[in-house]
Amino acid sequence: MAFPFGLKSKIFLTLAVLLILAMVLIDLVMTATLQKELLRTEIAKGQLVVNSLEQRLQALDISSDTLIAASFRGELIRLQDAVGFLEMVVVDRKDRVLHLGSVQAPLRGKLESLARQAFETKISERQFFGDTWGVFWKRDKYMAHSAPLYADGVVVAAISMALPLEGIYQQLRDIQRIILIYISINAGLLSLIGMLRISRIAVRPMLRLLKRAESFQEEDTLLFVSEQGESEFNRLSKALNSLFQRISDDRETLRQTVQTLEETNVDLKKAHKDIIQAEKLASVGRLSSGIAHEIGNPIGIIIGYLDLLKQADLPGSERSEYIQRAENEIQRISMILRQLLDFSRPSTGELDPVSVHDVLDDLVSVAQVQPLVANISVTLEKGAGKDKVMADSNQLRQVFLNLIINAADAIAGMDGSVDGSLVIRSKTQNRDGPGNDSAQEFIKLMFIDNGPGISDDHLDNVFDPFFTTKAPGKGTGLGLSVCFMIVESLGGRIMAASRKDVGTTMTIFLPLLDE
């Protein structure tokens, strides 16, 4: 499993890094402390040289040339070899200088200056100068120790000594190599022990929880088995069990809610279909009187032809002509009834390629025989080059018929001084459609009447359910609302524009079928 390996590796690396950092910090402190102690040792050596020289001076005649005496010079050489100073410079009260060692002129000049300064100030002093590589970074290369030399309480000379510090740094670097080896071994060993311990008290319980979660089944009543004792993992197991129990309860509640929503959705769809069908039947009722009149005329003609056919002396040619005319009238009745049945038939909801112009031609022929439309000039201007849309033809008929009847009702409510007209105009348009998608072509249908128009107060509400300005019994208030639902379901859009006492324009956009 990648998860435990990755987690253990991270624990091991984290512990190793923390331990190494801690040990390195301790090493830095210890190295700095040891370096200070080694410097104190070298300073003590310098002070030992000063004390030895002062004791030697006590045994000499300070009025003589002490500085150049062979015995004094030999004592200096012995002390230099003993303490390991690189250079020693002694200046007496006559400003005579004795050099011991072989160093470069700049260092010798600095030591002479320090010796004279110690003679004049009678103060011991230490200075550090030069650059060299220390243990971890650049440090001072030399330490200079200067001090006055007393004999019988009088300063008779001064000494300055230069000690190279590279030996100290090299000694510390050698120690660092050993320390780094121990740090690596200790960090690795302690990290391994820490990782195994943490794995036992944290990773293994976590893996058990993970394994239980991966093998969880919906029918399981207890997901996480509690750990022993009152540890954090025991509390976590209890909390997770409680959480999953709530999730299980919520899932059951959600399942019931979804089922209720599905049932409600089915009821809403059924109610939606019922509303459309009710509005359709209301429109059929409005057509009934005109249909009855349109059927009554052919029936009267057929009855007249049948009376003529009863004559025994009727010539054969006339008999055939009367039969043909009666047949034509029967076909006319059949066409009217078929159109009425097609319109009143419940919609299946299936979308098929439909010719908008064919539907309009059919509806205009039906509407023109209605008494309500008899005195209205209905003009169909088919300017669209393409008219195929994906729609339910029955629902499309219902939309167009509702708009025709609304226009006819509006015109019928006028005083009759103006001839009523309804222009149905179509054209192809790929802009100003729903979403302004210029890549999609639409057929734009405009139903333009010269009725009294709709007031601005009512224009925003014409598509609301049960909103109507007609007299009681003239409408359900669902016509335009149903039109809106049908057009929107086809991916189109319907809009109303009107001017008072000028007329109303109902505009429909329907997406054209790609051919």
Protein backbone atom coordinates (compact mmCIF):
# COMPACT_ATOMS: atom_id res chain seq x y z
CA MET A 1 0.00 0.00 0.00
CA ALA A 2 1.43 3.37 -1.00
CA PHE A 3 -0.24 5.24 1.85
CA PRO A 4 1.51 3.63 4.87
CA PHE A 5 4.87 3.56 3.11
CA GLY A 6 4.58 7.25 2.30
CA LEU A 7 3.42 8.13 5.82
CA LYS A 8 6.19 6.15 7.51
CA SER A 9 8.77 7.66 5.20
CA LYS A 10 7.56 11.16 6.04
CA ILE A 11 7.68 10.39 9.76
CA PHE A 12 11.19 8.98 9.43
CA LEU A 13 12.45 11.94 7.40
CA THR A 14 10.80 14.44 9.74
CA LEU A 15 12.35 12.87 12.81
CA ALA A 16 15.74 12.60 11.09
CA VAL A 17 15.70 16.26 10.06
CA LEU A 18 14.63 17.44 13.52
CA LEU A 19 17.24 15.30 15.26
CA ILE A 20 19.99 16.40 12.88
CA LEU A 21 19.04 20.06 13.37
CA ALA A 22 19.03 19.63 17.15
CA MET A 23 22.40 17.87 17.14
CA VAL A 24 23.93 20.40 14.77
CA LEU A 25 22.76 23.26 17.00
CA ILE A 26 24.26 21.51 20.03
CA ASP A 27 27.45 20.93 18.04
CA LEU A 28 27.64 24.63 17.16
CA VAL A 29 27.31 25.61 20.81
CA MET A 30 29.85 23.02 21.93
CA THR A 31 32.32 24.00 19.18
CA ALA A 32 32.05 27.68 20.08
CA THR A 33 32.54 26.86 23.75
CA LEU A 34 35.52 24.59 23.04
CA GLN A 35 37.06 27.23 20.80
CA LYS A 36 36.82 29.80 23.58
CA GLU A 37 38.45 27.38 26.02
CA LEU A 38 41.31 26.69 23.60
CA LEU A 39 41.82 30.43 23.16
CA ARG A 40 41.91 30.86 26.94
CA THR A 41 44.58 28.17 27.04
CA GLU A 42 46.67 30.06 24.49
CA ILE A 43 46.17 33.30 26.42
CA ALA A 44 47.32 31.49 29.55
CA LYS A 45 50.44 30.38 27.67
CA GLY A 46 51.16 33.98 26.77
CA GLN A 47 50.73 35.03 30.38
CA LEU A 48 53.02 32.17 31.43
CA VAL A 49 55.71 33.52 29.10
CA VAL A 50 55.31 36.98 30.64
CA ASN A 51 55.61 35.58 34.18
CA SER A 52 58.66 33.50 33.26
CA LEU A 53 60.39 36.49 31.70
CA GLU A 54 59.65 38.68 34.71
CA GLN A 55 61.14 36.04 37.00
CA ARG A 56 64.19 35.91 34.75
CA LEU A 57 64.49 39.69 34.84
CA GLN A 58 64.47 39.63 38.64
CA ALA A 59 67.70 37.63 38.55
CA LEU A 60 69.42 39.94 36.07
CA ASP A 61 71.00 43.32 36.45
CA ILE A 62 68.40 45.57 34.87
CA SER A 63 70.99 48.33 34.43
CA SER A 64 72.93 46.17 31.99
CA ASP A 65 72.01 45.40 28.44
CA THR A 66 69.49 42.77 29.46
CA LEU A 67 67.80 42.61 26.10
CA ILE A 68 70.85 41.48 24.23
CA ALA A 69 72.31 39.28 26.91
CA ALA A 70 72.90 35.77 25.68
CA SER A 71 71.18 34.24 28.67
CA PHE A 72 68.03 36.35 28.19
CA ARG A 73 67.93 35.62 24.48
CA GLY A 74 68.29 31.91 25.17
CA GLU A 75 65.41 32.07 27.65
CA LEU A 76 63.20 33.67 24.99
CA ILE A 77 64.06 30.97 22.45
CA ARG A 78 63.30 28.26 24.99
CA LEU A 79 59.92 29.80 25.85
CA GLN A 80 59.05 30.28 22.19
CA ASP A 81 59.72 26.63 21.44
CA ALA A 82 57.77 25.58 24.51
CA VAL A 83 54.57 27.51 23.82
CA GLY A 84 54.72 27.46 19.99
CA PHE A 85 54.40 31.17 19.31
CA LEU A 86 55.07 32.16 15.73
CA GLU A 87 56.88 35.43 16.53
CA MET A 88 58.04 37.23 19.65
CA VAL A 89 59.12 40.88 19.84
CA VAL A 90 60.70 42.45 22.93
CA VAL A 91 61.21 46.22 23.30
CA ASP A 92 63.24 47.58 26.22
CA ARG A 93 63.20 51.03 27.78
CA LYS A 94 65.90 52.16 25.37
CA ASP A 95 63.55 51.21 22.48
CA ARG A 96 65.82 48.41 21.42
CA VAL A 97 63.96 45.59 19.67
CA LEU A 98 64.66 41.86 19.81
CA HIS A 99 62.95 39.69 17.17
CA LEU A 100 62.47 35.96 17.48
CA GLY A 101 60.86 34.08 14.60
CA SER A 102 60.59 34.50 10.88
CA VAL A 103 57.43 36.23 9.74
CA GLN A 104 56.56 38.78 7.14
CA ALA A 105 57.41 42.42 7.69
CA PRO A 106 53.77 43.62 8.18
CA LEU A 107 53.20 41.17 11.04
CA ARG A 108 56.56 42.05 12.66
CA GLY A 109 55.79 45.76 12.40
CA LYS A 110 52.40 45.25 14.06
CA LEU A 111 54.00 43.30 16.92
CA GLU A 112 56.60 46.06 17.46
CA SER A 113 53.80 48.62 17.59
CA LEU A 114 51.87 46.55 20.14
CA ALA A 115 55.00 46.06 22.29
CA ARG A 116 55.75 49.82 22.35
CA GLN A 117 52.08 50.49 23.17
CA ALA A 118 52.19 48.03 26.09
CA PHE A 119 55.44 49.64 27.35
CA GLU A 120 53.88 53.10 27.29
CA THR A 121 50.42 52.20 28.64
CA LYS A 122 51.65 49.49 31.01
CA ILE A 123 48.51 47.51 30.05
CA SER A 124 48.28 43.93 28.77
CA GLU A 125 46.24 43.60 25.57
CA ARG A 126 45.10 40.96 23.09
CA GLN A 127 44.19 41.58 19.45
CA PHE A 128 43.00 39.34 16.63
CA PHE A 129 43.77 39.96 12.95
CA GLY A 130 44.13 38.23 9.63
CA ASP A 131 41.60 35.97 7.84
CA THR A 132 41.59 32.19 7.49
CA TRP A 133 39.04 29.40 7.27
CA GLY A 134 37.79 28.40 10.70
CA VAL A 135 35.55 25.44 11.52
CA PHE A 136 32.38 26.57 9.78
CA TRP A 137 33.19 30.02 8.36
CA LYS A 138 35.95 32.65 8.13
CA ARG A 139 37.73 33.51 11.39
CA ASP A 140 40.79 35.45 12.65
CA LYS A 141 44.15 34.01 11.59
CA TYR A 142 46.38 35.34 14.43
CA MET A 143 46.06 36.29 18.06
CA ALA A 144 48.56 38.90 19.34
CA HIS A 145 49.30 39.08 23.09
CA SER A 146 51.20 42.11 24.40
CA ALA A 147 52.21 42.93 27.99
CA PRO A 148 54.70 45.09 29.95
CA LEU A 149 57.59 43.34 31.74
CA TYR A 150 58.26 44.40 35.36
CA ALA A 151 61.41 44.14 37.45
CA ASP A 152 61.34 45.37 41.02
CA GLY A 153 58.02 47.08 40.28
CA VAL A 154 59.42 49.03 37.34
CA VAL A 155 58.57 48.45 33.65
CA VAL A 156 61.87 47.62 32.05
CA ALA A 157 60.59 46.15 28.77
CA ALA A 158 57.48 45.01 26.89
CA ILE A 159 56.75 41.88 24.87
CA SER A 160 54.27 41.06 22.09
CA MET A 161 53.69 37.54 20.81
CA ALA A 162 51.84 36.27 17.72
CA LEU A 163 50.04 32.93 17.96
CA PRO A 164 48.68 31.28 14.78
CA LEU A 165 45.09 30.06 15.31
CA GLU A 166 45.01 27.64 12.37
CA GLY A 167 46.15 24.82 14.64
CA ILE A 168 43.13 25.35 16.87
CA TYR A 169 40.79 25.37 13.87
CA GLN A 170 42.36 22.23 12.44
CA GLN A 171 41.97 20.48 15.77
CA LEU A 172 38.30 21.48 15.90
CA ARG A 173 37.73 20.34 12.30
CA ASP A 174 39.18 16.94 13.12
CA ILE A 175 36.79 16.72 16.04
CA GLN A 176 33.89 17.76 13.74
CA ARG A 177 34.48 14.79 11.45
CA ILE A 178 34.00 12.42 14.35
CA ILE A 179 30.99 14.36 15.62
CA LEU A 180 29.30 14.31 12.18
CA ILE A 181 29.71 10.54 11.99
CA TYR A 182 28.08 10.18 15.40
CA ILE A 183 25.32 12.63 14.42
CA SER A 184 24.50 10.59 11.30
CA ILE A 185 24.45 7.29 13.20
CA ASN A 186 22.43 8.69 16.10
CA ALA A 187 19.95 10.51 13.85
CA GLY A 188 19.32 7.41 11.73
CA LEU A 189 18.98 5.08 14.71
CA LEU A 190 16.80 7.42 16.77
CA SER A 191 14.63 8.26 13.74
CA LEU A 192 14.07 4.56 13.07
CA ILE A 193 13.14 3.92 16.70
CA GLY A 194 10.85 6.97 16.73
CA MET A 195 9.22 5.98 13.44
CA LEU A 196 8.53 2.43 14.70
CA ARG A 197 7.08 3.79 17.91
CA ILE A 198 4.88 6.36 16.19
CA SER A 199 3.82 3.73 13.67
CA ARG A 200 2.67 1.49 16.48
CA ILE A 201 0.71 4.14 18.38
CA ALA A 202 -0.62 6.18 15.41
CA VAL A 203 -0.16 4.66 11.95
CA ARG A 204 -1.46 1.17 12.70
CA PRO A 205 -4.71 2.38 14.30
CA MET A 206 -5.15 4.74 11.34
CA LEU A 207 -4.67 1.85 8.90
CA ARG A 208 -7.26 -0.19 10.75
CA LEU A 209 -9.72 2.70 10.44
CA LEU A 210 -8.87 3.04 6.76
CA LYS A 211 -9.37 -0.68 6.12
CA ARG A 212 -12.76 -0.59 7.82
CA ALA A 213 -13.77 2.46 5.78
CA GLU A 214 -12.75 0.78 2.50
CA SER A 215 -14.71 -2.39 3.34
CA PHE A 216 -17.80 -0.50 4.50
CA GLN A 217 -21.15 -1.77 3.23
CA GLU A 218 -24.43 0.08 3.51
CA GLU A 219 -25.91 -2.69 5.63
CA ASP A 220 -23.09 -2.42 8.20
CA THR A 221 -24.40 -1.08 11.49
CA LEU A 222 -21.00 -0.47 13.10
CA LEU A 223 -18.33 0.94 10.84
CA PHE A 224 -15.38 1.59 13.15
CA VAL A 225 -14.49 -0.72 16.03
CA SER A 226 -13.41 1.34 19.02
CA GLU A 227 -9.77 1.17 20.04
CA GLN A 228 -8.82 0.03 23.51
CA GLY A 229 -8.69 2.64 26.23
CA GLU A 230 -9.70 6.27 26.04
CA SER A 231 -7.23 7.32 23.37
CA GLU A 232 -7.80 9.90 20.67
CA PHE A 233 -8.35 7.10 18.15
CA ASN A 234 -11.05 5.64 20.35
CA ARG A 235 -12.79 9.01 20.42
CA LEU A 236 -12.26 9.33 16.65
CA SER A 237 -13.82 5.89 16.06
CA LYS A 238 -16.87 6.83 18.10
CA ALA A 239 -17.17 10.18 16.32
CA LEU A 240 -16.88 8.53 12.89
CA ASN A 241 -19.48 5.92 13.80
CA SER A 242 -21.82 8.71 14.87
CA LEU A 243 -21.06 10.65 11.69
CA PHE A 244 -21.72 7.70 9.38
CA GLN A 245 -24.90 6.89 11.26
CA ARG A 246 -26.14 10.43 10.62
CA ILE A 247 -25.07 10.13 6.98
CA SER A 248 -26.98 6.85 6.69
CA ASP A 249 -30.07 8.45 8.21
CA ASP A 250 -29.72 11.49 5.96
CA ARG A 251 -29.25 9.21 2.94
CA GLU A 252 -32.52 7.46 3.73
CA THR A 253 -34.23 10.82 4.17
CA LEU A 254 -32.71 11.99 0.89
CA ARG A 255 -33.90 8.83 -0.86
CA GLN A 256 -37.43 9.45 0.35
CA THR A 257 -37.20 13.12 -0.63
CA VAL A 258 -35.97 12.22 -4.12
CA GLN A 259 -38.79 9.73 -4.48
CA THR A 260 -41.28 12.38 -3.40
CA LEU A 261 -39.77 14.89 -5.84
CA GLU A 262 -39.95 12.36 -8.66
CA GLU A 263 -43.61 11.73 -7.90
CA THR A 264 -44.23 15.47 -7.67
CA ASN A 265 -42.40 15.99 -10.96
CA VAL A 266 -44.61 13.38 -12.61
CA ASP A 267 -47.68 15.13 -11.20
CA LEU A 268 -46.41 18.50 -12.43
CA LYS A 269 -45.80 17.13 -15.92
CA LYS A 270 -49.29 15.64 -15.93
CA ALA A 271 -50.74 18.94 -14.70
CA HIS A 272 -48.74 20.76 -17.38
CA LYS A 273 -50.19 18.48 -20.06
CA ASP A 274 -53.67 18.86 -18.58
CA ILE A 275 -53.37 22.67 -18.69
CA ILE A 276 -52.26 22.57 -22.32
CA GLN A 277 -55.05 20.15 -23.20
CA ALA A 278 -57.63 22.23 -21.32
CA GLU A 279 -56.58 25.37 -23.17
CA LYS A 280 -56.66 23.43 -26.42
CA LEU A 281 -60.19 22.22 -25.74
CA ALA A 282 -61.19 25.78 -24.87
CA SER A 283 -59.89 26.87 -28.27
CA VAL A 284 -61.75 23.99 -29.90
CA GLY A 285 -64.91 25.25 -28.22
CA ARG A 286 -64.32 28.69 -29.71
CA LEU A 287 -64.05 27.02 -33.13
CA SER A 288 -67.19 24.95 -32.73
CA SER A 289 -69.66 27.53 -34.00
CA GLY A 290 -67.64 28.26 -37.09
CA ILE A 291 -67.04 24.57 -37.73
CA ALA A 292 -70.78 23.85 -37.38
CA HIS A 293 -71.56 26.60 -39.88
CA GLU A 294 -68.84 25.38 -42.23
CA ILE A 295 -70.15 21.80 -42.07
CA GLY A 296 -73.80 22.89 -42.31
CA ASN A 297 -73.40 24.45 -45.77
CA PRO A 298 -71.92 21.32 -47.44
CA ILE A 299 -74.53 19.11 -45.77
CA GLY A 300 -77.33 21.30 -47.18
CA ILE A 301 -75.75 21.08 -50.62
CA ILE A 302 -75.43 17.29 -50.33
CA ILE A 303 -79.10 16.98 -49.31
CA GLY A 304 -80.08 19.04 -52.38
CA TYR A 305 -78.03 16.79 -54.66
CA LEU A 306 -79.60 13.69 -53.10
CA ASP A 307 -83.10 15.08 -53.80
CA LEU A 308 -82.10 15.64 -57.42
CA LEU A 309 -80.72 12.11 -57.65
CA LYS A 310 -84.13 10.74 -56.65
CA GLN A 311 -85.58 11.86 -60.01
CA ALA A 312 -86.10 8.84 -62.23
CA ASP A 313 -85.82 10.73 -65.51
CA LEU A 314 -82.49 12.36 -64.55
CA PRO A 315 -79.99 11.97 -67.38
CA GLY A 316 -76.95 9.85 -66.63
CA SER A 317 -74.48 12.66 -67.25
CA GLU A 318 -76.22 14.95 -64.75
CA ARG A 319 -76.51 12.10 -62.24
CA SER A 320 -72.75 11.55 -62.40
CA GLU A 321 -72.13 15.28 -62.04
CA TYR A 322 -74.36 15.50 -58.94
CA ILE A 323 -72.67 12.48 -57.40
CA GLN A 324 -69.24 14.06 -58.02
CA ARG A 325 -70.34 17.36 -56.48
CA ALA A 326 -71.77 15.57 -53.42
CA GLU A 327 -68.51 13.65 -53.08
CA ASN A 328 -66.54 16.92 -53.17
CA GLU A 329 -68.69 18.38 -50.40
CA ILE A 330 -68.24 15.21 -48.31
CA GLN A 331 -64.45 15.50 -48.75
CA ARG A 332 -64.72 19.11 -47.67
CA ILE A 333 -66.54 18.03 -44.48
CA SER A 334 -63.97 15.28 -43.93
CA MET A 335 -61.10 17.76 -44.22
CA ILE A 336 -62.73 20.15 -41.72
CA LEU A 337 -63.35 17.37 -39.22
CA ARG A 338 -59.81 16.01 -39.68
CA GLN A 339 -58.36 19.44 -38.97
CA LEU A 340 -60.50 19.76 -35.87
CA LEU A 341 -59.55 16.29 -34.65
CA ASP A 342 -55.87 16.91 -35.35
CA PHE A 343 -55.99 20.03 -33.26
CA SER A 344 -57.96 18.54 -30.35
CA ARG A 345 -55.87 15.35 -30.17
CA PRO A 346 -53.68 15.21 -27.00
CA SER A 347 -50.01 15.88 -27.68
CA THR A 348 -47.59 12.98 -27.42
CA GLY A 349 -44.70 15.27 -26.46
CA GLU A 350 -42.48 13.74 -29.14
CA LEU A 351 -40.48 16.19 -31.24
CA ASP A 352 -40.33 15.68 -34.99
CA PRO A 353 -39.30 17.84 -37.93
CA VAL A 354 -42.25 20.15 -38.63
CA SER A 355 -42.80 22.66 -41.43
CA VAL A 356 -43.95 25.91 -39.83
CA HIS A 357 -45.40 27.17 -43.11
CA ASP A 358 -47.50 24.00 -43.56
CA VAL A 359 -48.93 24.39 -40.06
CA LEU A 360 -49.75 28.06 -40.72
CA ASP A 361 -51.39 27.25 -44.08
CA ASP A 362 -53.57 24.64 -42.39
CA LEU A 363 -54.57 26.96 -39.53
CA VAL A 364 -55.32 29.95 -41.75
CA SER A 365 -57.65 27.81 -43.87
CA VAL A 366 -59.48 26.68 -40.72
CA ALA A 367 -59.58 30.15 -39.15
CA GLN A 368 -60.92 31.90 -42.23
CA VAL A 369 -64.23 29.99 -42.05
CA GLN A 370 -64.84 31.13 -38.47
CA PRO A 371 -67.42 33.86 -37.92
CA LEU A 372 -64.96 35.58 -35.57
CA VAL A 373 -62.40 35.88 -38.39
CA ALA A 374 -64.85 36.26 -41.26
CA ASN A 375 -64.55 40.06 -41.39
CA ILE A 376 -60.79 40.12 -40.80
CA SER A 377 -58.21 40.11 -43.56
CA VAL A 378 -55.71 37.36 -42.73
CA THR A 379 -52.48 37.61 -44.73
CA LEU A 380 -49.71 35.03 -44.61
CA GLU A 381 -46.31 36.33 -45.74
CA LYS A 382 -43.88 33.43 -45.93
CA GLY A 383 -40.54 35.20 -46.20
CA ALA A 384 -38.43 32.59 -44.43
CA GLY A 385 -36.22 30.55 -46.71
CA LYS A 386 -36.17 27.68 -44.21
CA ASP A 387 -39.04 26.69 -41.94
CA LYS A 388 -38.22 23.24 -40.51
CA VAL A 389 -38.16 23.08 -36.70
CA MET A 390 -38.07 20.26 -34.15
CA ALA A 391 -41.45 20.42 -32.43
CA ASP A 392 -44.70 18.67 -31.60
CA SER A 393 -46.95 19.71 -34.48
CA ASN A 394 -50.09 19.70 -32.30
CA GLN A 395 -48.49 22.02 -29.75
CA LEU A 396 -47.26 24.30 -32.55
CA ARG A 397 -50.83 24.48 -33.94
CA GLN A 398 -52.10 25.34 -30.48
CA VAL A 399 -49.64 28.25 -30.14
CA PHE A 400 -50.46 29.72 -33.55
CA LEU A 401 -54.24 29.26 -33.13
CA ASN A 402 -54.19 30.97 -29.73
CA LEU A 403 -52.43 33.97 -31.25
CA ILE A 404 -54.91 34.10 -34.16
CA ILE A 405 -57.93 33.88 -31.83
CA ASN A 406 -56.49 36.54 -29.49
CA ALA A 407 -55.95 38.88 -32.44
CA ALA A 408 -59.47 38.23 -33.70
CA ASP A 409 -60.97 38.84 -30.23
CA ALA A 410 -59.04 42.11 -29.93
CA ILE A 411 -60.20 43.33 -33.35
CA ALA A 412 -63.78 42.25 -32.64
CA GLY A 413 -63.79 44.50 -29.56
CA MET A 414 -63.34 47.61 -31.72
CA ASP A 415 -66.19 49.86 -32.88
CA GLY A 416 -66.05 48.53 -36.46
CA SER A 417 -64.93 51.76 -38.10
CA VAL A 418 -61.60 50.19 -39.03
CA ASP A 419 -61.25 47.08 -41.20
CA GLY A 420 -59.57 44.38 -39.16
CA SER A 421 -56.35 42.84 -40.44
CA LEU A 422 -53.94 40.19 -39.24
CA VAL A 423 -50.58 39.76 -40.92
CA ILE A 424 -48.57 36.62 -40.19
CA ARG A 425 -45.01 37.18 -41.36
CA SER A 426 -42.01 34.83 -41.27
CA LYS A 427 -38.34 35.33 -41.98
CA THR A 428 -35.03 33.65 -41.22
CA GLN A 429 -32.82 35.35 -38.68
CA ASN A 430 -29.60 34.40 -36.91
CA ARG A 431 -29.46 37.32 -34.51
CA ASP A 432 -31.67 38.59 -31.70
CA GLY A 433 -32.60 34.99 -31.00
CA PRO A 434 -32.39 33.39 -27.57
CA GLY A 435 -28.94 34.02 -26.12
CA ASN A 436 -27.93 36.08 -29.19
CA ASP A 437 -26.15 33.02 -30.58
CA SER A 438 -25.20 34.16 -34.07
CA ALA A 439 -24.22 30.60 -35.00
CA GLN A 440 -27.83 29.39 -34.53
CA GLU A 441 -30.46 30.25 -37.13
CA PHE A 442 -34.02 31.02 -36.07
CA ILE A 443 -37.30 31.45 -37.82
CA LYS A 444 -38.95 34.67 -36.71
CA LEU A 445 -42.76 34.69 -36.77
CA MET A 446 -44.68 37.93 -36.29
CA PHE A 447 -48.47 38.05 -35.71
CA ILE A 448 -49.36 41.70 -36.39
CA ASP A 449 -52.92 42.93 -35.81
CA ASN A 450 -54.46 46.39 -35.94
CA GLY A 451 -56.56 45.91 -32.83
CA PRO A 452 -56.88 48.33 -29.90
CA GLY A 453 -53.51 47.26 -28.46
CA ILE A 454 -52.53 46.45 -24.90
CA SER A 455 -51.92 49.09 -22.24
CA ASP A 456 -48.42 49.41 -20.79
CA ASP A 457 -49.73 48.40 -17.36
CA HIS A 458 -50.87 45.03 -18.71
CA LEU A 459 -48.10 44.34 -21.23
CA ASP A 460 -45.69 42.86 -18.66
CA ASN A 461 -48.34 40.45 -17.38
CA VAL A 462 -49.77 39.00 -20.59
CA PHE A 463 -47.83 35.72 -20.18
CA ASP A 464 -48.84 35.23 -16.53
CA PRO A 465 -51.23 32.32 -15.85
CA PHE A 466 -54.90 33.30 -15.51
CA PHE A 467 -54.23 36.89 -16.57
CA THR A 468 -56.83 38.13 -19.07
CA THR A 469 -58.40 41.39 -20.14
CA LYS A 470 -61.28 39.66 -21.91
CA ALA A 471 -64.84 39.68 -20.68
CA PRO A 472 -65.95 36.75 -18.48
CA GLY A 473 -66.55 33.63 -20.56
CA LYS A 474 -64.30 34.85 -23.39
CA GLY A 475 -61.09 33.23 -22.17
CA THR A 476 -59.40 31.20 -19.45
CA GLY A 477 -56.36 33.41 -19.00
CA LEU A 478 -54.13 30.45 -19.86
CA GLY A 479 -53.73 30.95 -23.62
CA LEU A 480 -50.58 33.07 -23.71
CA SER A 481 -49.19 31.33 -20.62
CA VAL A 482 -49.46 27.98 -22.41
CA CYS A 483 -47.92 29.52 -25.53
CA PHE A 484 -45.01 30.75 -23.44
CA MET A 485 -44.43 27.30 -21.89
CA ILE A 486 -44.56 25.53 -25.26
CA VAL A 487 -42.23 27.97 -27.03
CA GLU A 488 -39.72 27.95 -24.16
CA SER A 489 -39.73 24.13 -24.12
CA LEU A 490 -38.73 24.19 -27.81
CA GLY A 491 -35.72 26.40 -27.09
CA GLY A 492 -37.44 29.49 -28.46
CA ARG A 493 -38.75 32.78 -27.17
CA ILE A 494 -42.02 34.68 -27.40
CA MET A 495 -42.38 38.43 -26.91
CA ALA A 496 -45.21 40.95 -26.99
CA ALA A 497 -45.07 44.53 -28.26
CA SER A 498 -48.06 46.83 -28.43
CA ARG A 499 -49.12 50.43 -28.93
CA LYS A 500 -52.41 51.67 -27.62
CA ASP A 501 -55.00 52.15 -30.42
CA VAL A 502 -52.43 51.01 -33.02
CA GLY A 503 -52.17 47.25 -32.61
CA THR A 504 -50.23 44.39 -31.12
CA THR A 505 -47.32 42.35 -32.46
CA MET A 506 -46.59 38.92 -31.02
CA THR A 507 -43.11 37.71 -32.03
CA ILE A 508 -41.90 34.12 -31.81
CA PHE A 509 -38.34 32.86 -32.32
CA LEU A 510 -37.91 29.13 -32.98
CA PRO A 511 -34.54 27.45 -33.64
CA LEU A 512 -34.36 26.07 -37.16
CA LEU A 513 -33.48 22.47 -37.82
CA ASP A 514 -30.01 22.01 -39.34
CA GLU A 515 -30.50 20.45 -42.74
